[in-house]
Amino acid sequence: MTPLSAIGSSSVPDAGALEIQTDRLLLRRFRNADLDAFVAYRSDESVARFQSWDQSYSKADAERFLAEDSNVIPGQPGQWLQIAIEELGTGNLCGDCAVLITSEQPRTAELGVTLAPHCQNHGIASEASAATVDWLFDEQDMHRVYAQVDDRNKAAHRLLERLGFRLEARLIEADWFKGEWATPRFYAVLKKDWLELRKLCGRGCEFSVEAGER
């Protein structure tokens, strides 16, 4: 495991480097300086509600998690990669996108996104998610990108639908989650459909802010 103090330093191999810039954001690997902001939004009750962790998420949890993440090579199947979302100009950490290139199916990736409460409702989730999907299709040559979200997470539904993901399945009370039966939704987009959407609307059309966007 890489020590937390080495995250973002020269000890991280070049193969692990990742930077994606949009109009307002820099998507990059996590750094040691991100720790406090990362803990702050992960331990927020509203953020943790539909996530695998809960509001008891601690600094020690974050240190372990980010140290392990620093060893993940972008494009490597079977391991989640967390991509920090930094606001250009301020350098503030807004949240992260999570990517898992699956080992079960070729050229297939799962996408997740988490935002700090103060960064929600500003189009940041759309901008960061679209840039990450672009990277998955253009740089990693994925065939299909999908996302799994809780049926109650309406903001996530709107985000994915606005990006052009289609609803593929809704599994009624199929997941025992945090002490209750939950209904997961599965959204997905194929590379050919994503590229067609890009041609039709351009790179900026999906970044508009709508009520409830996260």
N, C-alpha and C. Protein backbone atom coordinates (compact mmCIF):
# COMPACT_ATOMS: atom_id res chain seq x y z
N MET A 1 0.85 -1.20 0.00
CA MET A 1 0.00 0.00 0.00
C MET A 1 0.88 1.25 0.00
N THR A 2 0.52 2.23 -0.81
CA THR A 2 1.27 3.48 -0.84
C THR A 2 0.92 4.33 0.36
N PRO A 3 1.91 4.86 1.10
CA PRO A 3 1.60 5.75 2.22
C PRO A 3 0.82 6.96 1.73
N LEU A 4 -0.07 7.47 2.59
CA LEU A 4 -0.89 8.61 2.20
C LEU A 4 -0.01 9.80 1.82
N SER A 5 1.12 9.98 2.48
CA SER A 5 1.98 11.13 2.19
C SER A 5 2.54 11.11 0.79
N ALA A 6 2.49 9.94 0.12
CA ALA A 6 3.04 9.82 -1.23
C ALA A 6 2.02 10.10 -2.30
N ILE A 7 0.75 10.23 -1.94
CA ILE A 7 -0.29 10.47 -2.94
C ILE A 7 -0.04 11.82 -3.60
N GLY A 8 0.01 11.81 -4.94
CA GLY A 8 0.23 13.04 -5.66
C GLY A 8 1.68 13.43 -5.76
N SER A 9 2.60 12.61 -5.24
CA SER A 9 4.02 12.91 -5.30
C SER A 9 4.65 12.17 -6.46
N SER A 10 5.97 12.33 -6.62
CA SER A 10 6.67 11.70 -7.72
C SER A 10 6.76 10.19 -7.56
N SER A 11 6.38 9.67 -6.39
CA SER A 11 6.43 8.22 -6.20
C SER A 11 5.32 7.51 -6.95
N VAL A 12 4.28 8.24 -7.38
CA VAL A 12 3.20 7.64 -8.15
C VAL A 12 3.68 7.48 -9.58
N PRO A 13 3.62 6.28 -10.17
CA PRO A 13 4.15 6.06 -11.51
C PRO A 13 3.40 6.87 -12.56
N ASP A 14 4.11 7.20 -13.67
CA ASP A 14 3.50 7.97 -14.74
C ASP A 14 2.27 7.26 -15.30
N ALA A 15 2.29 5.92 -15.28
CA ALA A 15 1.16 5.15 -15.80
C ALA A 15 -0.11 5.43 -15.02
N GLY A 16 0.02 5.96 -13.80
CA GLY A 16 -1.15 6.26 -12.99
C GLY A 16 -1.66 7.68 -13.14
N ALA A 17 -0.98 8.48 -13.97
CA ALA A 17 -1.38 9.87 -14.13
C ALA A 17 -2.69 9.98 -14.89
N LEU A 18 -3.49 10.98 -14.54
CA LEU A 18 -4.74 11.21 -15.23
C LEU A 18 -5.14 12.67 -15.02
N GLU A 19 -5.37 13.40 -16.09
CA GLU A 19 -5.88 14.77 -16.00
C GLU A 19 -6.84 15.01 -17.16
N ILE A 20 -8.03 15.47 -16.82
CA ILE A 20 -9.05 15.81 -17.82
C ILE A 20 -9.55 17.21 -17.47
N GLN A 21 -9.44 18.13 -18.39
CA GLN A 21 -9.87 19.50 -18.11
C GLN A 21 -11.11 19.84 -18.93
N THR A 22 -12.08 20.47 -18.26
CA THR A 22 -13.29 20.97 -18.91
C THR A 22 -13.30 22.48 -18.76
N ASP A 23 -14.40 23.12 -19.11
CA ASP A 23 -14.48 24.57 -19.00
C ASP A 23 -14.26 25.06 -17.57
N ARG A 24 -14.79 24.32 -16.61
CA ARG A 24 -14.74 24.78 -15.21
C ARG A 24 -13.99 23.86 -14.27
N LEU A 25 -13.63 22.66 -14.74
CA LEU A 25 -13.16 21.63 -13.83
C LEU A 25 -11.85 21.00 -14.29
N LEU A 26 -11.12 20.46 -13.31
CA LEU A 26 -9.98 19.60 -13.57
C LEU A 26 -10.26 18.26 -12.90
N LEU A 27 -10.31 17.20 -13.68
CA LEU A 27 -10.48 15.86 -13.15
C LEU A 27 -9.09 15.22 -13.08
N ARG A 28 -8.74 14.71 -11.92
CA ARG A 28 -7.36 14.27 -11.67
C ARG A 28 -7.33 13.21 -10.59
N ARG A 29 -6.13 12.65 -10.34
CA ARG A 29 -5.94 11.74 -9.22
C ARG A 29 -6.02 12.51 -7.90
N PHE A 30 -6.39 11.80 -6.84
CA PHE A 30 -6.45 12.42 -5.52
C PHE A 30 -5.06 12.75 -4.99
N ARG A 31 -5.00 13.79 -4.16
CA ARG A 31 -3.76 14.23 -3.53
C ARG A 31 -3.94 14.24 -2.02
N ASN A 32 -2.83 14.27 -1.31
CA ASN A 32 -2.86 14.31 0.15
C ASN A 32 -3.67 15.51 0.65
N ALA A 33 -3.56 16.64 -0.05
CA ALA A 33 -4.25 17.86 0.38
C ALA A 33 -5.78 17.75 0.28
N ASP A 34 -6.28 16.73 -0.41
CA ASP A 34 -7.73 16.56 -0.57
C ASP A 34 -8.39 15.89 0.62
N LEU A 35 -7.60 15.38 1.55
CA LEU A 35 -8.12 14.49 2.58
C LEU A 35 -9.27 15.10 3.38
N ASP A 36 -9.10 16.29 3.93
CA ASP A 36 -10.13 16.88 4.79
C ASP A 36 -11.43 17.12 4.03
N ALA A 37 -11.34 17.63 2.80
CA ALA A 37 -12.55 17.89 2.02
C ALA A 37 -13.24 16.58 1.64
N PHE A 38 -12.44 15.55 1.36
CA PHE A 38 -12.98 14.23 1.02
C PHE A 38 -13.76 13.65 2.19
N VAL A 39 -13.19 13.72 3.39
CA VAL A 39 -13.88 13.23 4.58
C VAL A 39 -15.15 14.04 4.83
N ALA A 40 -15.08 15.34 4.63
CA ALA A 40 -16.23 16.20 4.91
C ALA A 40 -17.45 15.81 4.10
N TYR A 41 -17.28 15.57 2.79
CA TYR A 41 -18.48 15.24 2.03
C TYR A 41 -18.88 13.77 2.16
N ARG A 42 -17.93 12.89 2.37
CA ARG A 42 -18.30 11.49 2.55
C ARG A 42 -19.04 11.25 3.88
N SER A 43 -18.78 12.07 4.87
CA SER A 43 -19.43 11.89 6.17
C SER A 43 -20.72 12.70 6.28
N ASP A 44 -21.11 13.38 5.22
CA ASP A 44 -22.37 14.13 5.20
C ASP A 44 -23.53 13.14 5.02
N GLU A 45 -24.53 13.25 5.87
CA GLU A 45 -25.65 12.29 5.85
C GLU A 45 -26.35 12.25 4.50
N SER A 46 -26.58 13.42 3.89
CA SER A 46 -27.30 13.46 2.63
C SER A 46 -26.49 12.85 1.49
N VAL A 47 -25.17 12.97 1.55
CA VAL A 47 -24.30 12.39 0.52
C VAL A 47 -24.21 10.88 0.68
N ALA A 48 -24.10 10.42 1.93
CA ALA A 48 -23.91 8.99 2.20
C ALA A 48 -25.18 8.17 2.04
N ARG A 49 -26.33 8.81 1.95
CA ARG A 49 -27.60 8.10 2.01
C ARG A 49 -27.69 6.94 1.01
N PHE A 50 -27.31 7.16 -0.24
CA PHE A 50 -27.45 6.12 -1.25
C PHE A 50 -26.09 5.50 -1.64
N GLN A 51 -25.09 5.72 -0.81
CA GLN A 51 -23.75 5.20 -1.09
C GLN A 51 -23.45 3.99 -0.22
N SER A 52 -22.35 3.30 -0.50
CA SER A 52 -22.01 2.08 0.22
C SER A 52 -21.49 2.35 1.63
N TRP A 53 -21.05 3.60 1.91
CA TRP A 53 -20.59 3.97 3.24
C TRP A 53 -21.70 4.72 3.99
N ASP A 54 -21.46 5.08 5.26
CA ASP A 54 -22.44 5.86 6.00
C ASP A 54 -21.77 7.10 6.59
N GLN A 55 -22.54 7.88 7.35
CA GLN A 55 -22.05 9.17 7.84
C GLN A 55 -20.97 9.05 8.91
N SER A 56 -20.68 7.84 9.35
CA SER A 56 -19.59 7.64 10.31
C SER A 56 -18.22 7.59 9.62
N TYR A 57 -18.19 7.82 8.32
CA TYR A 57 -16.94 7.76 7.55
C TYR A 57 -15.91 8.69 8.18
N SER A 58 -14.74 8.15 8.52
CA SER A 58 -13.75 8.88 9.32
C SER A 58 -12.51 9.23 8.51
N LYS A 59 -11.64 10.01 9.13
CA LYS A 59 -10.38 10.37 8.50
C LYS A 59 -9.52 9.14 8.28
N ALA A 60 -9.55 8.20 9.22
CA ALA A 60 -8.79 6.96 9.07
C ALA A 60 -9.32 6.15 7.89
N ASP A 61 -10.66 6.11 7.73
CA ASP A 61 -11.25 5.43 6.58
C ASP A 61 -10.75 6.05 5.28
N ALA A 62 -10.74 7.37 5.24
CA ALA A 62 -10.32 8.08 4.04
C ALA A 62 -8.85 7.86 3.74
N GLU A 63 -8.02 7.86 4.78
CA GLU A 63 -6.59 7.64 4.58
C GLU A 63 -6.33 6.28 3.95
N ARG A 64 -7.00 5.25 4.47
CA ARG A 64 -6.84 3.90 3.91
C ARG A 64 -7.34 3.84 2.47
N PHE A 65 -8.50 4.44 2.25
CA PHE A 65 -9.12 4.38 0.93
C PHE A 65 -8.26 5.07 -0.12
N LEU A 66 -7.79 6.28 0.18
CA LEU A 66 -7.02 7.03 -0.81
C LEU A 66 -5.64 6.44 -1.03
N ALA A 67 -5.07 5.85 0.02
CA ALA A 67 -3.78 5.18 -0.15
C ALA A 67 -3.93 3.99 -1.10
N GLU A 68 -5.01 3.22 -0.95
CA GLU A 68 -5.24 2.10 -1.85
C GLU A 68 -5.53 2.58 -3.27
N ASP A 69 -6.29 3.67 -3.38
CA ASP A 69 -6.65 4.20 -4.70
C ASP A 69 -5.42 4.68 -5.46
N SER A 70 -4.41 5.16 -4.75
CA SER A 70 -3.21 5.67 -5.41
C SER A 70 -2.45 4.58 -6.16
N ASN A 71 -2.72 3.31 -5.83
CA ASN A 71 -2.07 2.19 -6.50
C ASN A 71 -2.83 1.70 -7.73
N VAL A 72 -4.03 2.23 -7.96
CA VAL A 72 -4.84 1.79 -9.10
C VAL A 72 -4.33 2.48 -10.37
N ILE A 73 -4.13 1.71 -11.42
CA ILE A 73 -3.70 2.26 -12.70
C ILE A 73 -4.94 2.51 -13.56
N PRO A 74 -5.14 3.72 -14.08
CA PRO A 74 -6.29 3.98 -14.95
C PRO A 74 -6.35 2.99 -16.10
N GLY A 75 -7.53 2.44 -16.34
CA GLY A 75 -7.72 1.48 -17.41
C GLY A 75 -7.53 0.04 -16.97
N GLN A 76 -7.13 -0.17 -15.73
CA GLN A 76 -6.91 -1.53 -15.22
C GLN A 76 -8.24 -2.15 -14.81
N PRO A 77 -8.64 -3.29 -15.41
CA PRO A 77 -9.93 -3.89 -15.07
C PRO A 77 -9.97 -4.42 -13.64
N GLY A 78 -11.17 -4.41 -13.07
CA GLY A 78 -11.41 -5.07 -11.79
C GLY A 78 -11.15 -4.23 -10.56
N GLN A 79 -10.76 -2.97 -10.71
CA GLN A 79 -10.50 -2.10 -9.55
C GLN A 79 -11.16 -0.74 -9.76
N TRP A 80 -11.84 -0.28 -8.71
CA TRP A 80 -12.44 1.05 -8.76
C TRP A 80 -11.34 2.12 -8.77
N LEU A 81 -11.53 3.12 -9.62
CA LEU A 81 -10.65 4.28 -9.69
C LEU A 81 -11.46 5.51 -9.30
N GLN A 82 -10.98 6.25 -8.29
CA GLN A 82 -11.64 7.49 -7.90
C GLN A 82 -10.93 8.67 -8.59
N ILE A 83 -11.71 9.50 -9.24
CA ILE A 83 -11.18 10.66 -9.96
C ILE A 83 -11.68 11.92 -9.28
N ALA A 84 -10.75 12.69 -8.72
CA ALA A 84 -11.12 13.91 -8.00
C ALA A 84 -11.64 14.97 -8.97
N ILE A 85 -12.67 15.70 -8.52
CA ILE A 85 -13.23 16.80 -9.30
C ILE A 85 -12.80 18.12 -8.63
N GLU A 86 -11.91 18.84 -9.27
CA GLU A 86 -11.40 20.10 -8.74
C GLU A 86 -11.97 21.28 -9.52
N GLU A 87 -12.38 22.32 -8.82
CA GLU A 87 -12.87 23.52 -9.48
C GLU A 87 -11.69 24.37 -9.93
N LEU A 88 -11.64 24.65 -11.22
CA LEU A 88 -10.56 25.48 -11.73
C LEU A 88 -10.66 26.89 -11.14
N GLY A 89 -9.54 27.48 -10.89
CA GLY A 89 -9.52 28.83 -10.34
C GLY A 89 -9.41 28.82 -8.83
N THR A 90 -10.28 28.06 -8.16
CA THR A 90 -10.25 28.01 -6.70
C THR A 90 -9.41 26.85 -6.18
N GLY A 91 -9.33 25.76 -6.96
CA GLY A 91 -8.64 24.56 -6.49
C GLY A 91 -9.45 23.74 -5.51
N ASN A 92 -10.71 24.13 -5.27
CA ASN A 92 -11.54 23.42 -4.31
C ASN A 92 -11.94 22.04 -4.84
N LEU A 93 -11.98 21.06 -3.92
CA LEU A 93 -12.44 19.72 -4.25
C LEU A 93 -13.97 19.69 -4.19
N CYS A 94 -14.61 19.37 -5.33
CA CYS A 94 -16.07 19.37 -5.40
C CYS A 94 -16.66 17.99 -5.15
N GLY A 95 -15.88 16.94 -5.39
CA GLY A 95 -16.38 15.59 -5.27
C GLY A 95 -15.51 14.66 -6.08
N ASP A 96 -16.11 13.56 -6.56
CA ASP A 96 -15.33 12.63 -7.37
C ASP A 96 -16.22 11.81 -8.28
N CYS A 97 -15.63 11.36 -9.38
CA CYS A 97 -16.23 10.35 -10.23
C CYS A 97 -15.53 9.04 -9.94
N ALA A 98 -16.29 7.95 -9.96
CA ALA A 98 -15.73 6.63 -9.72
C ALA A 98 -15.94 5.78 -10.96
N VAL A 99 -14.90 5.03 -11.34
CA VAL A 99 -14.94 4.23 -12.55
C VAL A 99 -14.46 2.81 -12.24
N LEU A 100 -15.21 1.84 -12.69
CA LEU A 100 -14.80 0.44 -12.59
C LEU A 100 -14.87 -0.18 -13.98
N ILE A 101 -13.73 -0.51 -14.54
CA ILE A 101 -13.71 -1.28 -15.78
C ILE A 101 -13.86 -2.75 -15.39
N THR A 102 -14.93 -3.36 -15.82
CA THR A 102 -15.27 -4.69 -15.33
C THR A 102 -14.33 -5.75 -15.91
N SER A 103 -14.12 -6.79 -15.13
CA SER A 103 -13.32 -7.92 -15.61
C SER A 103 -14.20 -9.02 -16.18
N GLU A 104 -15.53 -8.93 -15.94
CA GLU A 104 -16.44 -9.97 -16.41
C GLU A 104 -16.78 -9.82 -17.90
N GLN A 105 -16.91 -8.56 -18.35
CA GLN A 105 -17.25 -8.29 -19.74
C GLN A 105 -16.18 -7.37 -20.34
N PRO A 106 -15.77 -7.63 -21.59
CA PRO A 106 -14.77 -6.75 -22.20
C PRO A 106 -15.34 -5.37 -22.51
N ARG A 107 -14.48 -4.36 -22.40
CA ARG A 107 -14.79 -2.99 -22.82
C ARG A 107 -16.09 -2.48 -22.20
N THR A 108 -16.26 -2.75 -20.92
CA THR A 108 -17.46 -2.34 -20.18
C THR A 108 -17.03 -1.67 -18.88
N ALA A 109 -17.65 -0.54 -18.56
CA ALA A 109 -17.28 0.20 -17.35
C ALA A 109 -18.51 0.66 -16.61
N GLU A 110 -18.39 0.70 -15.28
CA GLU A 110 -19.43 1.26 -14.42
C GLU A 110 -19.00 2.66 -13.98
N LEU A 111 -19.96 3.56 -13.89
CA LEU A 111 -19.71 4.95 -13.54
C LEU A 111 -20.47 5.33 -12.28
N GLY A 112 -19.83 6.10 -11.41
CA GLY A 112 -20.50 6.69 -10.26
C GLY A 112 -20.02 8.12 -10.08
N VAL A 113 -20.79 8.93 -9.38
CA VAL A 113 -20.38 10.30 -9.11
C VAL A 113 -20.89 10.72 -7.74
N THR A 114 -20.06 11.44 -6.98
CA THR A 114 -20.41 11.93 -5.65
C THR A 114 -19.98 13.39 -5.56
N LEU A 115 -20.89 14.24 -5.09
CA LEU A 115 -20.57 15.67 -4.96
C LEU A 115 -20.80 16.15 -3.54
N ALA A 116 -19.94 17.06 -3.11
CA ALA A 116 -20.16 17.76 -1.84
C ALA A 116 -21.44 18.58 -1.94
N PRO A 117 -22.18 18.72 -0.85
CA PRO A 117 -23.46 19.44 -0.91
C PRO A 117 -23.35 20.85 -1.50
N HIS A 118 -22.29 21.59 -1.16
CA HIS A 118 -22.19 22.97 -1.64
C HIS A 118 -21.87 23.06 -3.12
N CYS A 119 -21.53 21.92 -3.75
CA CYS A 119 -21.23 21.91 -5.18
C CYS A 119 -22.39 21.38 -6.02
N GLN A 120 -23.47 20.98 -5.38
CA GLN A 120 -24.62 20.46 -6.10
C GLN A 120 -25.46 21.60 -6.67
N ASN A 121 -26.23 21.27 -7.70
CA ASN A 121 -27.14 22.22 -8.36
C ASN A 121 -26.41 23.33 -9.11
N HIS A 122 -25.21 23.03 -9.60
CA HIS A 122 -24.46 24.00 -10.41
C HIS A 122 -23.99 23.39 -11.73
N GLY A 123 -24.48 22.23 -12.09
CA GLY A 123 -24.09 21.59 -13.33
C GLY A 123 -22.76 20.87 -13.27
N ILE A 124 -22.17 20.78 -12.08
CA ILE A 124 -20.84 20.16 -11.95
C ILE A 124 -20.91 18.66 -12.18
N ALA A 125 -21.95 18.00 -11.68
CA ALA A 125 -22.09 16.56 -11.88
C ALA A 125 -22.19 16.22 -13.36
N SER A 126 -22.97 17.01 -14.11
CA SER A 126 -23.10 16.78 -15.55
C SER A 126 -21.77 16.97 -16.26
N GLU A 127 -21.09 18.05 -15.93
CA GLU A 127 -19.84 18.38 -16.60
C GLU A 127 -18.77 17.32 -16.31
N ALA A 128 -18.65 16.93 -15.06
CA ALA A 128 -17.64 15.94 -14.68
C ALA A 128 -17.98 14.56 -15.23
N SER A 129 -19.24 14.16 -15.14
CA SER A 129 -19.64 12.84 -15.62
C SER A 129 -19.46 12.72 -17.12
N ALA A 130 -19.86 13.76 -17.86
CA ALA A 130 -19.72 13.72 -19.32
C ALA A 130 -18.25 13.64 -19.72
N ALA A 131 -17.40 14.38 -19.03
CA ALA A 131 -15.97 14.33 -19.34
C ALA A 131 -15.39 12.95 -19.04
N THR A 132 -15.87 12.32 -17.97
CA THR A 132 -15.39 10.98 -17.63
C THR A 132 -15.86 9.96 -18.65
N VAL A 133 -17.10 10.07 -19.11
CA VAL A 133 -17.60 9.16 -20.14
C VAL A 133 -16.83 9.37 -21.44
N ASP A 134 -16.55 10.63 -21.79
CA ASP A 134 -15.72 10.90 -22.97
C ASP A 134 -14.38 10.16 -22.85
N TRP A 135 -13.76 10.25 -21.68
CA TRP A 135 -12.46 9.60 -21.45
C TRP A 135 -12.58 8.09 -21.58
N LEU A 136 -13.64 7.52 -21.05
CA LEU A 136 -13.83 6.08 -21.13
C LEU A 136 -13.99 5.60 -22.57
N PHE A 137 -14.74 6.35 -23.37
CA PHE A 137 -14.95 5.95 -24.75
C PHE A 137 -13.76 6.31 -25.65
N ASP A 138 -13.22 7.51 -25.48
CA ASP A 138 -12.17 7.98 -26.38
C ASP A 138 -10.80 7.41 -26.04
N GLU A 139 -10.45 7.40 -24.76
CA GLU A 139 -9.10 6.99 -24.35
C GLU A 139 -9.02 5.52 -23.95
N GLN A 140 -10.09 4.98 -23.38
CA GLN A 140 -10.09 3.59 -22.92
C GLN A 140 -10.84 2.65 -23.87
N ASP A 141 -11.45 3.21 -24.91
CA ASP A 141 -12.13 2.43 -25.94
C ASP A 141 -13.18 1.49 -25.37
N MET A 142 -13.97 1.98 -24.41
CA MET A 142 -15.07 1.19 -23.89
C MET A 142 -16.16 1.04 -24.94
N HIS A 143 -16.89 -0.03 -24.85
CA HIS A 143 -18.05 -0.27 -25.71
C HIS A 143 -19.34 0.19 -25.03
N ARG A 144 -19.40 0.03 -23.70
CA ARG A 144 -20.62 0.33 -22.95
C ARG A 144 -20.25 0.88 -21.58
N VAL A 145 -20.94 1.91 -21.14
CA VAL A 145 -20.79 2.47 -19.80
C VAL A 145 -22.15 2.42 -19.12
N TYR A 146 -22.19 1.92 -17.89
CA TYR A 146 -23.46 1.81 -17.18
C TYR A 146 -23.34 2.39 -15.77
N ALA A 147 -24.49 2.63 -15.16
CA ALA A 147 -24.54 3.13 -13.79
C ALA A 147 -25.68 2.46 -13.07
N GLN A 148 -25.47 2.16 -11.80
CA GLN A 148 -26.51 1.59 -10.95
C GLN A 148 -26.86 2.62 -9.89
N VAL A 149 -28.16 2.96 -9.77
CA VAL A 149 -28.58 3.98 -8.82
C VAL A 149 -29.83 3.51 -8.08
N ASP A 150 -30.01 4.04 -6.90
CA ASP A 150 -31.19 3.72 -6.09
C ASP A 150 -32.43 4.36 -6.71
N ASP A 151 -33.53 3.63 -6.67
CA ASP A 151 -34.79 4.12 -7.25
C ASP A 151 -35.26 5.42 -6.62
N ARG A 152 -34.85 5.67 -5.37
CA ARG A 152 -35.27 6.88 -4.66
C ARG A 152 -34.40 8.08 -4.98
N ASN A 153 -33.29 7.86 -5.64
CA ASN A 153 -32.34 8.94 -5.92
C ASN A 153 -32.73 9.65 -7.21
N LYS A 154 -33.74 10.49 -7.13
CA LYS A 154 -34.30 11.14 -8.32
C LYS A 154 -33.29 12.04 -9.02
N ALA A 155 -32.42 12.68 -8.25
CA ALA A 155 -31.42 13.57 -8.86
C ALA A 155 -30.48 12.78 -9.77
N ALA A 156 -30.12 11.57 -9.34
CA ALA A 156 -29.25 10.72 -10.16
C ALA A 156 -29.97 10.28 -11.43
N HIS A 157 -31.26 9.99 -11.34
CA HIS A 157 -32.03 9.61 -12.53
C HIS A 157 -31.99 10.75 -13.55
N ARG A 158 -32.26 11.97 -13.07
CA ARG A 158 -32.29 13.11 -13.97
C ARG A 158 -30.92 13.35 -14.61
N LEU A 159 -29.88 13.21 -13.81
CA LEU A 159 -28.53 13.41 -14.33
C LEU A 159 -28.24 12.44 -15.47
N LEU A 160 -28.47 11.15 -15.25
CA LEU A 160 -28.14 10.15 -16.25
C LEU A 160 -29.00 10.30 -17.50
N GLU A 161 -30.27 10.59 -17.31
CA GLU A 161 -31.16 10.77 -18.46
C GLU A 161 -30.77 12.00 -19.27
N ARG A 162 -30.36 13.05 -18.58
CA ARG A 162 -29.92 14.26 -19.27
C ARG A 162 -28.64 14.01 -20.08
N LEU A 163 -27.78 13.15 -19.57
CA LEU A 163 -26.54 12.83 -20.27
C LEU A 163 -26.77 11.94 -21.49
N GLY A 164 -27.92 11.28 -21.53
CA GLY A 164 -28.22 10.41 -22.67
C GLY A 164 -28.17 8.94 -22.36
N PHE A 165 -28.05 8.58 -21.07
CA PHE A 165 -28.13 7.18 -20.67
C PHE A 165 -29.59 6.71 -20.76
N ARG A 166 -29.78 5.46 -21.11
CA ARG A 166 -31.13 4.91 -21.17
C ARG A 166 -31.37 4.02 -19.95
N LEU A 167 -32.59 3.99 -19.48
CA LEU A 167 -32.96 3.09 -18.39
C LEU A 167 -33.12 1.69 -18.95
N GLU A 168 -32.29 0.75 -18.49
CA GLU A 168 -32.32 -0.62 -19.01
C GLU A 168 -33.11 -1.57 -18.11
N ALA A 169 -33.10 -1.29 -16.79
CA ALA A 169 -33.79 -2.22 -15.88
C ALA A 169 -34.12 -1.51 -14.58
N ARG A 170 -35.20 -1.96 -13.97
CA ARG A 170 -35.60 -1.51 -12.63
C ARG A 170 -35.99 -2.77 -11.87
N LEU A 171 -35.17 -3.16 -10.91
CA LEU A 171 -35.35 -4.43 -10.21
C LEU A 171 -36.03 -4.19 -8.86
N ILE A 172 -37.28 -4.54 -8.77
CA ILE A 172 -38.11 -4.20 -7.61
C ILE A 172 -37.62 -4.92 -6.36
N GLU A 173 -37.22 -4.13 -5.35
CA GLU A 173 -36.78 -4.64 -4.05
C GLU A 173 -35.84 -5.84 -4.21
N ALA A 174 -34.83 -5.66 -5.04
CA ALA A 174 -33.90 -6.76 -5.34
C ALA A 174 -32.59 -6.65 -4.57
N ASP A 175 -32.40 -5.57 -3.82
CA ASP A 175 -31.11 -5.34 -3.16
C ASP A 175 -31.34 -5.04 -1.67
N TRP A 176 -30.77 -5.87 -0.80
CA TRP A 176 -30.83 -5.61 0.64
C TRP A 176 -29.75 -4.59 0.97
N PHE A 177 -30.17 -3.37 1.29
CA PHE A 177 -29.24 -2.25 1.39
C PHE A 177 -29.53 -1.43 2.64
N LYS A 178 -28.54 -1.37 3.52
CA LYS A 178 -28.65 -0.59 4.75
C LYS A 178 -29.91 -0.92 5.54
N GLY A 179 -30.18 -2.21 5.67
CA GLY A 179 -31.27 -2.66 6.52
C GLY A 179 -32.65 -2.66 5.92
N GLU A 180 -32.74 -2.47 4.61
CA GLU A 180 -34.06 -2.48 3.97
C GLU A 180 -33.91 -2.92 2.51
N TRP A 181 -35.02 -3.36 1.93
CA TRP A 181 -35.01 -3.74 0.53
C TRP A 181 -35.06 -2.49 -0.34
N ALA A 182 -34.12 -2.42 -1.27
CA ALA A 182 -34.04 -1.27 -2.17
C ALA A 182 -34.26 -1.73 -3.60
N THR A 183 -34.69 -0.79 -4.44
CA THR A 183 -34.94 -1.06 -5.85
C THR A 183 -33.87 -0.37 -6.70
N PRO A 184 -32.92 -1.13 -7.24
CA PRO A 184 -31.89 -0.50 -8.08
C PRO A 184 -32.37 -0.28 -9.51
N ARG A 185 -31.90 0.82 -10.07
CA ARG A 185 -32.10 1.09 -11.49
C ARG A 185 -30.75 0.98 -12.20
N PHE A 186 -30.79 0.45 -13.42
CA PHE A 186 -29.58 0.33 -14.23
C PHE A 186 -29.75 1.18 -15.48
N TYR A 187 -28.82 2.12 -15.65
CA TYR A 187 -28.77 2.98 -16.84
C TYR A 187 -27.50 2.64 -17.62
N ALA A 188 -27.54 2.85 -18.94
CA ALA A 188 -26.35 2.57 -19.74
C ALA A 188 -26.37 3.38 -21.04
N VAL A 189 -25.18 3.51 -21.64
CA VAL A 189 -25.05 4.12 -22.96
C VAL A 189 -23.95 3.39 -23.70
N LEU A 190 -24.15 3.15 -25.00
CA LEU A 190 -23.15 2.54 -25.85
C LEU A 190 -22.29 3.61 -26.49
N LYS A 191 -21.07 3.23 -26.85
CA LYS A 191 -20.15 4.19 -27.47
C LYS A 191 -20.76 4.80 -28.73
N LYS A 192 -21.36 3.98 -29.59
CA LYS A 192 -21.90 4.50 -30.85
C LYS A 192 -23.01 5.52 -30.59
N ASP A 193 -23.82 5.29 -29.55
CA ASP A 193 -24.90 6.22 -29.22
C ASP A 193 -24.35 7.51 -28.61
N TRP A 194 -23.32 7.37 -27.76
CA TRP A 194 -22.70 8.54 -27.15
C TRP A 194 -22.08 9.45 -28.21
N LEU A 195 -21.37 8.85 -29.16
CA LEU A 195 -20.74 9.64 -30.21
C LEU A 195 -21.78 10.34 -31.08
N GLU A 196 -22.89 9.66 -31.31
CA GLU A 196 -23.96 10.28 -32.09
C GLU A 196 -24.57 11.45 -31.34
N LEU A 197 -24.77 11.28 -30.03
CA LEU A 197 -25.29 12.38 -29.22
C LEU A 197 -24.34 13.58 -29.27
N ARG A 198 -23.05 13.32 -29.21
CA ARG A 198 -22.06 14.38 -29.26
C ARG A 198 -22.12 15.14 -30.59
N LYS A 199 -22.33 14.41 -31.66
CA LYS A 199 -22.42 15.06 -32.97
C LYS A 199 -23.68 15.93 -33.06
N LEU A 200 -24.77 15.45 -32.48
CA LEU A 200 -26.04 16.15 -32.58
C LEU A 200 -26.08 17.41 -31.74
N CYS A 201 -25.50 17.36 -30.53
CA CYS A 201 -25.69 18.48 -29.60
C CYS A 201 -24.41 19.20 -29.22
N GLY A 202 -23.24 18.67 -29.56
CA GLY A 202 -21.99 19.34 -29.18
C GLY A 202 -21.62 19.01 -27.75
N ARG A 203 -20.47 19.52 -27.31
CA ARG A 203 -19.90 19.11 -26.03
C ARG A 203 -20.50 19.85 -24.84
N GLY A 204 -21.28 20.94 -25.06
CA GLY A 204 -21.72 21.72 -23.92
C GLY A 204 -23.18 21.60 -23.58
N CYS A 205 -23.98 20.93 -24.42
CA CYS A 205 -25.42 21.03 -24.27
C CYS A 205 -25.94 20.31 -23.04
N GLU A 206 -25.22 19.32 -22.52
CA GLU A 206 -25.73 18.56 -21.39
C GLU A 206 -25.34 19.16 -20.05
N PHE A 207 -24.69 20.34 -20.05
CA PHE A 207 -24.19 20.89 -18.81
C PHE A 207 -25.13 21.92 -18.19
N SER A 208 -26.34 22.07 -18.76
CA SER A 208 -27.26 23.04 -18.21
C SER A 208 -27.72 22.62 -16.82
N VAL A 209 -27.93 23.60 -15.95
CA VAL A 209 -28.33 23.32 -14.57
C VAL A 209 -29.85 23.22 -14.51
N GLU A 210 -30.32 22.15 -13.88
CA GLU A 210 -31.76 21.97 -13.71
C GLU A 210 -32.06 21.77 -12.23
N ALA A 211 -33.27 22.03 -11.86
CA ALA A 211 -33.66 21.89 -10.46
C ALA A 211 -33.39 20.49 -9.98
N GLY A 212 -32.74 20.38 -8.84
CA GLY A 212 -32.48 19.08 -8.23
C GLY A 212 -31.26 18.37 -8.77
N GLU A 213 -30.53 18.99 -9.69
CA GLU A 213 -29.34 18.32 -10.24
C GLU A 213 -28.28 18.19 -9.19
N ARG A 214 -27.61 17.05 -9.18
CA ARG A 214 -26.57 16.81 -8.18
C ARG A 214 -25.28 16.46 -8.90
